[in-house]
N, C-alpha and C. Protein backbone atom coordinates (compact mmCIF):
# COMPACT_ATOMS: atom_id res chain seq x y z
N UNK A 1 14.66 7.53 -0.52
CA UNK A 1 14.33 6.13 -0.40
C UNK A 1 12.82 5.98 -0.35
N UNK A 2 12.34 4.99 -1.05
CA UNK A 2 10.90 4.75 -1.08
C UNK A 2 10.56 3.60 -0.14
N UNK A 3 9.43 3.75 0.54
CA UNK A 3 9.01 2.75 1.52
C UNK A 3 7.55 2.39 1.30
N UNK A 4 7.25 1.11 1.51
CA UNK A 4 5.90 0.57 1.49
C UNK A 4 5.49 0.33 2.93
N UNK A 5 4.38 0.95 3.34
CA UNK A 5 3.90 0.83 4.71
C UNK A 5 2.46 0.33 4.65
N UNK A 6 2.21 -0.81 5.28
CA UNK A 6 0.86 -1.37 5.31
C UNK A 6 0.48 -1.64 6.76
N UNK A 7 -0.41 -0.79 7.29
CA UNK A 7 -0.99 -0.97 8.63
C UNK A 7 -2.22 -1.85 8.46
N UNK A 8 -2.27 -2.98 9.18
CA UNK A 8 -3.44 -3.87 9.13
C UNK A 8 -4.29 -3.60 10.36
N UNK A 9 -5.59 -3.42 10.15
CA UNK A 9 -6.49 -3.10 11.25
C UNK A 9 -6.63 -4.25 12.24
N UNK A 10 -6.79 -3.87 13.48
CA UNK A 10 -7.12 -4.81 14.54
C UNK A 10 -8.61 -5.12 14.43
N UNK A 11 -9.02 -6.38 14.59
CA UNK A 11 -10.46 -6.68 14.55
C UNK A 11 -11.22 -5.83 15.57
N UNK A 12 -12.37 -5.34 15.16
CA UNK A 12 -13.22 -4.56 16.04
C UNK A 12 -12.79 -3.12 16.24
N UNK A 13 -11.90 -2.61 15.39
CA UNK A 13 -11.39 -1.25 15.58
C UNK A 13 -12.04 -0.22 14.65
N UNK A 14 -13.09 -0.60 13.93
CA UNK A 14 -13.69 0.31 12.94
C UNK A 14 -14.20 1.61 13.56
N UNK A 15 -14.84 1.54 14.71
CA UNK A 15 -15.37 2.76 15.33
C UNK A 15 -14.23 3.70 15.73
N UNK A 16 -13.16 3.14 16.30
CA UNK A 16 -12.01 3.96 16.67
C UNK A 16 -11.35 4.54 15.44
N UNK A 17 -11.24 3.76 14.38
CA UNK A 17 -10.67 4.25 13.12
C UNK A 17 -11.47 5.45 12.62
N UNK A 18 -12.79 5.33 12.61
CA UNK A 18 -13.65 6.44 12.15
C UNK A 18 -13.46 7.68 13.02
N UNK A 19 -13.34 7.48 14.30
CA UNK A 19 -13.15 8.58 15.24
C UNK A 19 -11.81 9.28 15.00
N UNK A 20 -10.81 8.55 14.54
CA UNK A 20 -9.44 9.07 14.35
C UNK A 20 -9.18 9.59 12.94
N UNK A 21 -10.17 9.57 12.06
CA UNK A 21 -9.95 9.88 10.65
C UNK A 21 -9.31 11.25 10.42
N UNK A 22 -9.81 12.29 11.07
CA UNK A 22 -9.23 13.62 10.88
C UNK A 22 -7.79 13.67 11.38
N UNK A 23 -7.50 13.02 12.51
CA UNK A 23 -6.13 12.97 13.01
C UNK A 23 -5.21 12.27 12.01
N UNK A 24 -5.71 11.19 11.43
CA UNK A 24 -4.94 10.45 10.43
C UNK A 24 -4.65 11.34 9.22
N UNK A 25 -5.68 11.98 8.69
CA UNK A 25 -5.49 12.84 7.50
C UNK A 25 -4.55 14.00 7.82
N UNK A 26 -4.69 14.62 8.99
CA UNK A 26 -3.81 15.73 9.36
C UNK A 26 -2.36 15.27 9.44
N UNK A 27 -2.14 14.10 9.98
CA UNK A 27 -0.78 13.55 10.04
C UNK A 27 -0.24 13.32 8.63
N UNK A 28 -1.04 12.69 7.78
CA UNK A 28 -0.59 12.37 6.42
C UNK A 28 -0.40 13.62 5.57
N UNK A 29 -1.14 14.69 5.86
CA UNK A 29 -0.98 15.95 5.12
C UNK A 29 0.47 16.43 5.16
N UNK A 30 1.18 16.13 6.24
CA UNK A 30 2.58 16.56 6.38
C UNK A 30 3.50 15.88 5.36
N UNK A 31 3.04 14.76 4.81
CA UNK A 31 3.86 13.96 3.90
C UNK A 31 3.33 13.95 2.47
N UNK A 32 2.30 14.74 2.19
CA UNK A 32 1.63 14.68 0.90
C UNK A 32 2.59 14.86 -0.28
N UNK A 33 3.56 15.76 -0.14
CA UNK A 33 4.48 16.00 -1.26
C UNK A 33 5.45 14.85 -1.48
N UNK A 34 5.46 13.86 -0.57
CA UNK A 34 6.35 12.71 -0.70
C UNK A 34 5.60 11.40 -0.92
N UNK A 35 4.27 11.48 -1.04
CA UNK A 35 3.45 10.29 -1.24
C UNK A 35 3.52 9.82 -2.68
N UNK A 36 3.65 8.51 -2.84
CA UNK A 36 3.56 7.88 -4.15
C UNK A 36 2.16 7.30 -4.31
N UNK A 37 1.63 6.73 -3.25
CA UNK A 37 0.27 6.19 -3.26
C UNK A 37 -0.20 6.04 -1.82
N UNK A 38 -1.52 6.02 -1.66
CA UNK A 38 -2.11 5.84 -0.33
C UNK A 38 -3.55 5.40 -0.48
N UNK A 39 -4.07 4.81 0.59
CA UNK A 39 -5.48 4.45 0.61
C UNK A 39 -5.75 3.23 1.46
N UNK A 40 -7.03 3.05 1.79
CA UNK A 40 -7.41 1.93 2.64
C UNK A 40 -7.58 0.63 1.85
N UNK A 41 -7.28 -0.49 2.53
CA UNK A 41 -7.75 -1.77 2.04
C UNK A 41 -9.12 -1.98 2.66
N UNK A 42 -9.95 -2.75 1.98
CA UNK A 42 -11.37 -2.84 2.34
C UNK A 42 -11.87 -4.27 2.31
N UNK A 43 -12.97 -4.51 3.03
CA UNK A 43 -13.67 -5.78 2.89
C UNK A 43 -14.18 -5.89 1.46
N UNK A 44 -14.48 -7.11 0.99
CA UNK A 44 -14.93 -7.27 -0.40
C UNK A 44 -16.14 -6.41 -0.78
N UNK A 45 -17.00 -6.10 0.18
CA UNK A 45 -18.16 -5.26 -0.14
C UNK A 45 -17.80 -3.77 -0.17
N UNK A 46 -16.55 -3.43 0.19
CA UNK A 46 -16.10 -2.04 0.16
C UNK A 46 -16.61 -1.19 1.30
N UNK A 47 -17.25 -1.80 2.28
CA UNK A 47 -17.90 -1.05 3.36
C UNK A 47 -17.00 -0.79 4.57
N UNK A 48 -16.05 -1.67 4.82
CA UNK A 48 -15.26 -1.57 6.04
C UNK A 48 -13.77 -1.62 5.72
N UNK A 49 -13.02 -0.70 6.30
CA UNK A 49 -11.57 -0.69 6.12
C UNK A 49 -10.94 -1.86 6.86
N UNK A 50 -9.92 -2.45 6.25
CA UNK A 50 -9.18 -3.55 6.87
C UNK A 50 -7.71 -3.18 7.08
N UNK A 51 -7.30 -2.06 6.55
CA UNK A 51 -5.91 -1.63 6.67
C UNK A 51 -5.71 -0.31 5.95
N UNK A 52 -4.45 0.13 5.95
CA UNK A 52 -4.11 1.41 5.34
C UNK A 52 -2.74 1.31 4.69
N UNK A 53 -2.67 1.62 3.40
CA UNK A 53 -1.44 1.53 2.62
C UNK A 53 -0.89 2.93 2.36
N UNK A 54 0.41 3.08 2.56
CA UNK A 54 1.10 4.32 2.20
C UNK A 54 2.42 3.94 1.55
N UNK A 55 2.65 4.44 0.35
CA UNK A 55 3.95 4.30 -0.30
C UNK A 55 4.51 5.71 -0.36
N UNK A 56 5.65 5.89 0.29
CA UNK A 56 6.14 7.24 0.54
C UNK A 56 7.65 7.31 0.35
N UNK A 57 8.11 8.43 -0.12
CA UNK A 57 9.54 8.68 -0.32
C UNK A 57 10.06 9.47 0.88
N UNK A 58 10.92 8.84 1.67
CA UNK A 58 11.47 9.46 2.88
C UNK A 58 13.00 9.39 2.84
N UNK A 59 13.63 10.21 3.63
CA UNK A 59 15.09 10.33 3.57
C UNK A 59 15.84 9.14 4.15
N UNK A 60 15.33 8.57 5.23
CA UNK A 60 16.07 7.51 5.93
C UNK A 60 15.12 6.43 6.44
N UNK A 61 15.70 5.29 6.79
CA UNK A 61 14.90 4.22 7.40
C UNK A 61 14.34 4.66 8.75
N UNK A 62 15.10 5.45 9.50
CA UNK A 62 14.60 5.96 10.78
C UNK A 62 13.38 6.86 10.57
N UNK A 63 13.41 7.68 9.53
CA UNK A 63 12.25 8.53 9.23
C UNK A 63 11.05 7.67 8.83
N UNK A 64 11.29 6.57 8.12
CA UNK A 64 10.20 5.67 7.74
C UNK A 64 9.59 5.00 8.97
N UNK A 65 10.44 4.56 9.90
CA UNK A 65 9.91 3.96 11.13
C UNK A 65 9.08 4.96 11.91
N UNK A 66 9.56 6.19 12.00
CA UNK A 66 8.79 7.23 12.70
C UNK A 66 7.46 7.48 11.98
N UNK A 67 7.50 7.55 10.65
CA UNK A 67 6.28 7.74 9.87
C UNK A 67 5.26 6.65 10.21
N UNK A 68 5.69 5.40 10.23
CA UNK A 68 4.79 4.27 10.45
C UNK A 68 4.28 4.19 11.89
N UNK A 69 5.16 4.41 12.86
CA UNK A 69 4.79 4.15 14.25
C UNK A 69 4.33 5.37 15.03
N UNK A 70 4.55 6.56 14.51
CA UNK A 70 4.02 7.77 15.14
C UNK A 70 2.63 8.13 14.62
N UNK A 71 2.17 7.42 13.61
CA UNK A 71 0.87 7.68 13.00
C UNK A 71 -0.21 7.59 14.08
N UNK A 72 -1.10 8.58 14.17
CA UNK A 72 -2.06 8.65 15.29
C UNK A 72 -2.96 7.44 15.45
N UNK A 73 -3.44 6.85 14.36
CA UNK A 73 -4.33 5.70 14.52
C UNK A 73 -3.55 4.46 14.96
N UNK A 74 -2.28 4.38 14.59
CA UNK A 74 -1.43 3.31 15.12
C UNK A 74 -1.27 3.52 16.63
N UNK A 75 -0.94 4.73 17.03
CA UNK A 75 -0.76 5.05 18.44
C UNK A 75 -2.03 4.79 19.26
N UNK A 76 -3.21 4.99 18.64
CA UNK A 76 -4.48 4.81 19.34
C UNK A 76 -4.91 3.34 19.41
N UNK A 77 -4.23 2.45 18.68
CA UNK A 77 -4.56 1.03 18.75
C UNK A 77 -5.45 0.51 17.65
N UNK A 78 -5.64 1.28 16.58
CA UNK A 78 -6.47 0.81 15.47
C UNK A 78 -5.82 -0.38 14.77
N UNK A 79 -4.51 -0.36 14.62
CA UNK A 79 -3.82 -1.36 13.82
C UNK A 79 -3.26 -2.49 14.68
N UNK A 80 -3.27 -3.70 14.14
CA UNK A 80 -2.71 -4.86 14.85
C UNK A 80 -1.26 -5.09 14.48
N UNK A 81 -0.86 -4.70 13.26
CA UNK A 81 0.54 -4.84 12.88
C UNK A 81 0.86 -3.92 11.71
N UNK A 82 2.15 -3.81 11.44
CA UNK A 82 2.63 -2.92 10.38
C UNK A 82 3.67 -3.66 9.55
N UNK A 83 3.50 -3.62 8.24
CA UNK A 83 4.53 -4.10 7.33
C UNK A 83 5.25 -2.86 6.81
N UNK A 84 6.54 -2.77 7.07
CA UNK A 84 7.36 -1.65 6.64
C UNK A 84 8.52 -2.22 5.85
N UNK A 85 8.60 -1.87 4.57
CA UNK A 85 9.63 -2.39 3.69
C UNK A 85 10.13 -1.29 2.77
N UNK A 86 11.41 -1.36 2.46
CA UNK A 86 11.92 -0.53 1.36
C UNK A 86 11.19 -0.99 0.10
N UNK A 87 11.07 -0.08 -0.84
CA UNK A 87 10.30 -0.35 -2.06
C UNK A 87 10.96 0.43 -3.19
N UNK A 88 10.77 0.00 -4.41
CA UNK A 88 11.30 0.74 -5.56
C UNK A 88 10.16 0.98 -6.55
N UNK A 89 9.96 2.22 -6.90
CA UNK A 89 8.88 2.64 -7.79
C UNK A 89 9.26 2.38 -9.24
N UNK A 90 8.87 1.23 -9.76
CA UNK A 90 9.24 0.86 -11.13
C UNK A 90 8.41 1.59 -12.18
N UNK A 91 7.30 2.20 -11.78
CA UNK A 91 6.50 2.97 -12.74
C UNK A 91 6.98 4.42 -12.84
N UNK A 92 7.68 4.89 -11.81
CA UNK A 92 8.20 6.25 -11.84
C UNK A 92 7.15 7.35 -11.77
N UNK A 93 6.00 7.03 -11.18
CA UNK A 93 4.94 8.03 -11.05
C UNK A 93 4.20 7.82 -9.74
N UNK A 94 3.29 8.74 -9.44
CA UNK A 94 2.46 8.61 -8.26
C UNK A 94 1.06 8.17 -8.69
N UNK A 95 0.23 7.83 -7.71
CA UNK A 95 -1.14 7.44 -8.05
C UNK A 95 -1.93 8.60 -8.63
N UNK A 96 -1.51 9.84 -8.34
CA UNK A 96 -2.19 11.01 -8.88
C UNK A 96 -1.90 11.21 -10.36
N UNK A 97 -0.87 10.52 -10.87
CA UNK A 97 -0.54 10.54 -12.29
C UNK A 97 -1.27 9.44 -13.06
N UNK A 98 -1.93 8.55 -12.33
CA UNK A 98 -2.63 7.44 -12.96
C UNK A 98 -3.77 8.00 -13.81
N UNK A 99 -3.77 7.69 -15.11
CA UNK A 99 -4.70 8.37 -16.02
C UNK A 99 -6.18 8.38 -15.63
N UNK A 100 -6.78 7.26 -15.20
CA UNK A 100 -8.20 7.36 -14.87
C UNK A 100 -8.52 8.20 -13.64
N UNK A 101 -7.52 8.48 -12.82
CA UNK A 101 -7.76 9.29 -11.63
C UNK A 101 -8.09 8.45 -10.41
N UNK A 102 -8.87 9.00 -9.52
CA UNK A 102 -9.18 8.38 -8.23
C UNK A 102 -9.82 7.00 -8.42
N UNK A 103 -9.34 6.02 -7.66
CA UNK A 103 -9.85 4.66 -7.72
C UNK A 103 -10.77 4.44 -6.53
N UNK A 104 -12.05 4.28 -6.79
CA UNK A 104 -13.01 4.04 -5.71
C UNK A 104 -13.62 2.66 -5.78
N UNK A 105 -13.48 2.01 -6.91
CA UNK A 105 -13.96 0.63 -7.03
C UNK A 105 -13.00 -0.13 -7.92
N UNK A 106 -13.02 -1.38 -7.87
CA UNK A 106 -12.18 -2.33 -8.60
C UNK A 106 -10.68 -2.08 -8.45
N UNK A 107 -10.30 -1.49 -7.31
CA UNK A 107 -8.88 -1.34 -7.00
C UNK A 107 -8.42 -2.45 -6.08
N UNK A 108 -7.16 -2.86 -6.24
CA UNK A 108 -6.60 -3.94 -5.44
C UNK A 108 -5.16 -3.65 -5.04
N UNK A 109 -4.80 -4.15 -3.87
CA UNK A 109 -3.42 -4.25 -3.43
C UNK A 109 -3.06 -5.72 -3.52
N UNK A 110 -1.96 -6.02 -4.20
CA UNK A 110 -1.47 -7.39 -4.29
C UNK A 110 -0.06 -7.39 -3.70
N UNK A 111 0.16 -8.28 -2.74
CA UNK A 111 1.46 -8.41 -2.09
C UNK A 111 1.96 -9.83 -2.31
N UNK A 112 3.14 -9.94 -2.87
CA UNK A 112 3.82 -11.24 -3.02
C UNK A 112 4.96 -11.29 -2.02
N UNK A 113 5.04 -12.37 -1.27
CA UNK A 113 6.08 -12.50 -0.24
C UNK A 113 6.94 -13.72 -0.52
N UNK A 114 8.22 -13.59 -0.20
CA UNK A 114 9.13 -14.72 -0.30
C UNK A 114 9.56 -15.06 -1.71
N UNK A 115 9.56 -14.11 -2.59
CA UNK A 115 9.96 -14.38 -3.97
C UNK A 115 11.46 -14.47 -4.14
N UNK A 116 11.92 -15.50 -4.80
CA UNK A 116 13.34 -15.63 -5.08
C UNK A 116 13.71 -14.93 -6.38
N UNK A 117 12.75 -14.81 -7.28
CA UNK A 117 13.03 -14.18 -8.56
C UNK A 117 12.83 -12.67 -8.44
N UNK A 118 13.76 -11.87 -8.95
CA UNK A 118 13.57 -10.42 -8.89
C UNK A 118 12.36 -9.97 -9.71
N UNK A 119 11.71 -8.92 -9.22
CA UNK A 119 10.61 -8.33 -9.98
C UNK A 119 11.21 -7.69 -11.22
N UNK A 120 10.66 -8.02 -12.36
CA UNK A 120 11.15 -7.45 -13.60
C UNK A 120 10.43 -6.15 -13.91
N UNK A 121 10.58 -5.69 -15.12
CA UNK A 121 9.86 -4.48 -15.50
C UNK A 121 8.36 -4.73 -15.42
N UNK A 122 7.61 -3.67 -15.23
CA UNK A 122 6.15 -3.84 -15.11
C UNK A 122 5.57 -4.48 -16.36
N UNK A 123 4.59 -5.35 -16.18
CA UNK A 123 3.91 -5.88 -17.35
C UNK A 123 3.17 -4.76 -18.07
N UNK A 124 3.00 -4.91 -19.35
CA UNK A 124 2.27 -3.90 -20.12
C UNK A 124 0.83 -3.89 -19.64
N UNK A 125 0.45 -2.82 -18.97
CA UNK A 125 -0.92 -2.71 -18.48
C UNK A 125 -1.23 -1.25 -18.17
N UNK A 126 -2.36 -0.81 -18.65
CA UNK A 126 -2.79 0.55 -18.33
C UNK A 126 -3.59 0.58 -17.03
N UNK A 127 -3.62 -0.55 -16.32
CA UNK A 127 -4.37 -0.64 -15.06
C UNK A 127 -3.46 -0.65 -13.83
N UNK A 128 -2.14 -0.53 -14.05
CA UNK A 128 -1.21 -0.48 -12.93
C UNK A 128 -1.16 0.93 -12.35
N UNK A 129 -1.26 1.02 -11.05
CA UNK A 129 -1.22 2.31 -10.35
C UNK A 129 0.13 2.49 -9.68
N UNK A 130 0.63 1.44 -9.02
CA UNK A 130 1.95 1.43 -8.40
C UNK A 130 2.47 0.01 -8.51
N UNK A 131 3.79 -0.13 -8.73
CA UNK A 131 4.37 -1.45 -8.96
C UNK A 131 5.83 -1.43 -8.56
N UNK A 132 6.24 -2.40 -7.72
CA UNK A 132 7.65 -2.46 -7.37
C UNK A 132 7.97 -3.55 -6.39
N UNK A 133 9.27 -3.82 -6.24
CA UNK A 133 9.71 -4.85 -5.31
C UNK A 133 9.70 -4.36 -3.87
N UNK A 134 9.44 -5.28 -2.95
CA UNK A 134 9.66 -5.08 -1.53
C UNK A 134 11.09 -5.51 -1.26
N UNK A 135 11.83 -4.70 -0.54
CA UNK A 135 13.26 -4.93 -0.38
C UNK A 135 13.65 -5.09 1.08
N UNK A 136 14.80 -5.69 1.30
CA UNK A 136 15.36 -5.80 2.65
C UNK A 136 15.68 -4.41 3.18
N UNK A 137 15.98 -4.33 4.46
CA UNK A 137 16.24 -3.02 5.09
C UNK A 137 17.36 -2.25 4.39
N UNK A 138 18.39 -2.95 3.92
CA UNK A 138 19.48 -2.25 3.24
C UNK A 138 19.19 -2.01 1.76
N UNK A 139 18.07 -2.53 1.26
CA UNK A 139 17.68 -2.31 -0.12
C UNK A 139 18.36 -3.22 -1.12
N UNK A 140 19.17 -4.18 -0.65
CA UNK A 140 19.95 -5.02 -1.56
C UNK A 140 19.24 -6.30 -2.00
N UNK A 141 18.28 -6.77 -1.20
CA UNK A 141 17.67 -8.06 -1.47
C UNK A 141 16.16 -7.90 -1.62
N UNK A 142 15.64 -8.49 -2.68
CA UNK A 142 14.19 -8.48 -2.85
C UNK A 142 13.57 -9.55 -1.96
N UNK A 143 12.53 -9.16 -1.20
CA UNK A 143 11.83 -10.10 -0.32
C UNK A 143 10.37 -10.28 -0.74
N UNK A 144 9.98 -9.62 -1.82
CA UNK A 144 8.62 -9.72 -2.31
C UNK A 144 8.33 -8.60 -3.29
N UNK A 145 7.05 -8.33 -3.47
CA UNK A 145 6.61 -7.26 -4.38
C UNK A 145 5.26 -6.75 -3.93
N UNK A 146 4.97 -5.50 -4.31
CA UNK A 146 3.66 -4.91 -4.00
C UNK A 146 3.16 -4.17 -5.24
N UNK A 147 1.88 -4.35 -5.53
CA UNK A 147 1.26 -3.75 -6.70
C UNK A 147 -0.09 -3.16 -6.30
N UNK A 148 -0.38 -1.96 -6.75
CA UNK A 148 -1.73 -1.39 -6.70
C UNK A 148 -2.21 -1.35 -8.13
N UNK A 149 -3.43 -1.83 -8.37
CA UNK A 149 -3.96 -1.86 -9.72
C UNK A 149 -5.47 -1.90 -9.72
N UNK A 150 -6.03 -1.65 -10.87
CA UNK A 150 -7.46 -1.87 -11.09
C UNK A 150 -7.60 -3.19 -11.83
N UNK A 151 -8.60 -3.98 -11.45
CA UNK A 151 -8.84 -5.28 -12.08
C UNK A 151 -10.32 -5.61 -11.94
N UNK A 152 -10.82 -6.47 -12.81
CA UNK A 152 -12.25 -6.81 -12.75
C UNK A 152 -12.64 -7.65 -11.53
N UNK A 153 -11.67 -8.39 -10.95
CA UNK A 153 -11.98 -9.24 -9.80
C UNK A 153 -10.67 -9.62 -9.10
N UNK A 154 -10.78 -10.21 -7.89
CA UNK A 154 -9.57 -10.57 -7.15
C UNK A 154 -8.64 -11.53 -7.89
N UNK A 155 -9.20 -12.49 -8.62
CA UNK A 155 -8.36 -13.44 -9.35
C UNK A 155 -7.52 -12.73 -10.41
N UNK A 156 -8.13 -11.83 -11.14
CA UNK A 156 -7.39 -11.07 -12.16
C UNK A 156 -6.34 -10.19 -11.51
N UNK A 157 -6.66 -9.61 -10.36
CA UNK A 157 -5.67 -8.79 -9.64
C UNK A 157 -4.50 -9.64 -9.20
N UNK A 158 -4.78 -10.80 -8.62
CA UNK A 158 -3.73 -11.69 -8.15
C UNK A 158 -2.79 -12.15 -9.24
N UNK A 159 -3.27 -12.19 -10.47
CA UNK A 159 -2.44 -12.62 -11.59
C UNK A 159 -1.32 -11.62 -11.89
N UNK A 160 -1.39 -10.42 -11.31
CA UNK A 160 -0.32 -9.44 -11.50
C UNK A 160 1.00 -9.93 -10.90
N UNK A 161 0.91 -10.80 -9.90
CA UNK A 161 2.11 -11.42 -9.29
C UNK A 161 1.92 -12.93 -9.35
N UNK A 162 2.52 -13.57 -10.32
CA UNK A 162 2.30 -15.02 -10.48
C UNK A 162 2.66 -15.81 -9.23
N UNK A 163 1.76 -16.71 -8.78
CA UNK A 163 1.99 -17.46 -7.55
C UNK A 163 3.23 -18.34 -7.60
N UNK A 164 3.66 -18.77 -8.77
CA UNK A 164 4.85 -19.62 -8.86
C UNK A 164 6.13 -18.81 -8.59
N UNK A 165 6.01 -17.51 -8.48
CA UNK A 165 7.16 -16.64 -8.20
C UNK A 165 7.29 -16.35 -6.71
N UNK A 166 6.21 -16.48 -5.94
CA UNK A 166 6.18 -16.08 -4.53
C UNK A 166 5.70 -17.22 -3.65
N UNK A 167 6.17 -17.25 -2.43
CA UNK A 167 5.73 -18.25 -1.46
C UNK A 167 4.26 -18.02 -1.09
N UNK A 168 3.85 -16.76 -1.06
CA UNK A 168 2.46 -16.41 -0.74
C UNK A 168 2.08 -15.13 -1.48
N UNK A 169 0.85 -15.07 -1.95
CA UNK A 169 0.32 -13.87 -2.60
C UNK A 169 -0.97 -13.49 -1.90
N UNK A 170 -1.03 -12.23 -1.43
CA UNK A 170 -2.23 -11.70 -0.78
C UNK A 170 -2.90 -10.73 -1.75
N UNK A 171 -4.22 -10.77 -1.80
CA UNK A 171 -4.99 -9.83 -2.62
C UNK A 171 -5.99 -9.14 -1.70
N UNK A 172 -5.95 -7.81 -1.70
CA UNK A 172 -6.84 -7.00 -0.85
C UNK A 172 -7.56 -5.98 -1.71
N UNK A 173 -8.84 -5.78 -1.46
CA UNK A 173 -9.56 -4.67 -2.10
C UNK A 173 -8.92 -3.37 -1.60
N UNK A 174 -8.81 -2.38 -2.48
CA UNK A 174 -8.12 -1.13 -2.16
C UNK A 174 -8.82 0.02 -2.87
N UNK A 175 -8.78 1.21 -2.25
CA UNK A 175 -9.31 2.44 -2.87
C UNK A 175 -8.31 3.56 -2.64
N UNK A 176 -8.27 4.51 -3.55
CA UNK A 176 -7.43 5.70 -3.37
C UNK A 176 -7.79 6.36 -2.05
N UNK A 177 -6.77 6.90 -1.38
CA UNK A 177 -7.01 7.53 -0.10
C UNK A 177 -6.72 9.00 -0.10
N UNK A 178 -6.84 9.58 1.07
CA UNK A 178 -6.63 11.01 1.25
C UNK A 178 -7.94 11.72 1.51
N UNK A 179 -7.80 12.97 1.81
CA UNK A 179 -8.99 13.79 2.06
C UNK A 179 -9.88 13.83 0.81
N UNK A 180 -11.18 13.68 1.01
CA UNK A 180 -12.07 13.83 -0.16
C UNK A 180 -11.95 15.25 -0.72
N UNK A 181 -12.01 15.34 -2.02
CA UNK A 181 -11.87 16.67 -2.68
C UNK A 181 -13.11 17.49 -2.51
């Protein structure tokens, strides 16, 4: 089962986040072979993290909850909340298969919430990194969608999920994550 996990930072937690970075990476290293995508969301200037995205293939919903809530920076109080949803990988690849490689600029996370229309096949784009529906706990009902992509600006990124399809669309700057090579 694939899961979308988005930890949103608590305001004023940047110093604690920086202090916990090695603990975070060590924890995530245990799941590397099951990661579809990962990385921080960032302020528009790219200087400060605002959250942390992990799309991961885990055996059960209980394992996904443990993954999200046992994470050391969550336990230390860096994050204010967690979005944990079943997800379906419509691209059938990981971010490491994305042809241009590591995304350090012009990357975005787009989240559509409250969509009544099912997410269809991915639009033709060589800039999609990860694409799929957010699903209910049992995986039967679509409750939104999440996309990682490269785009020239936030408006172009947001167009990946048309606003007339979702009650709300969020656009966040995003960069590939993990230990630097």
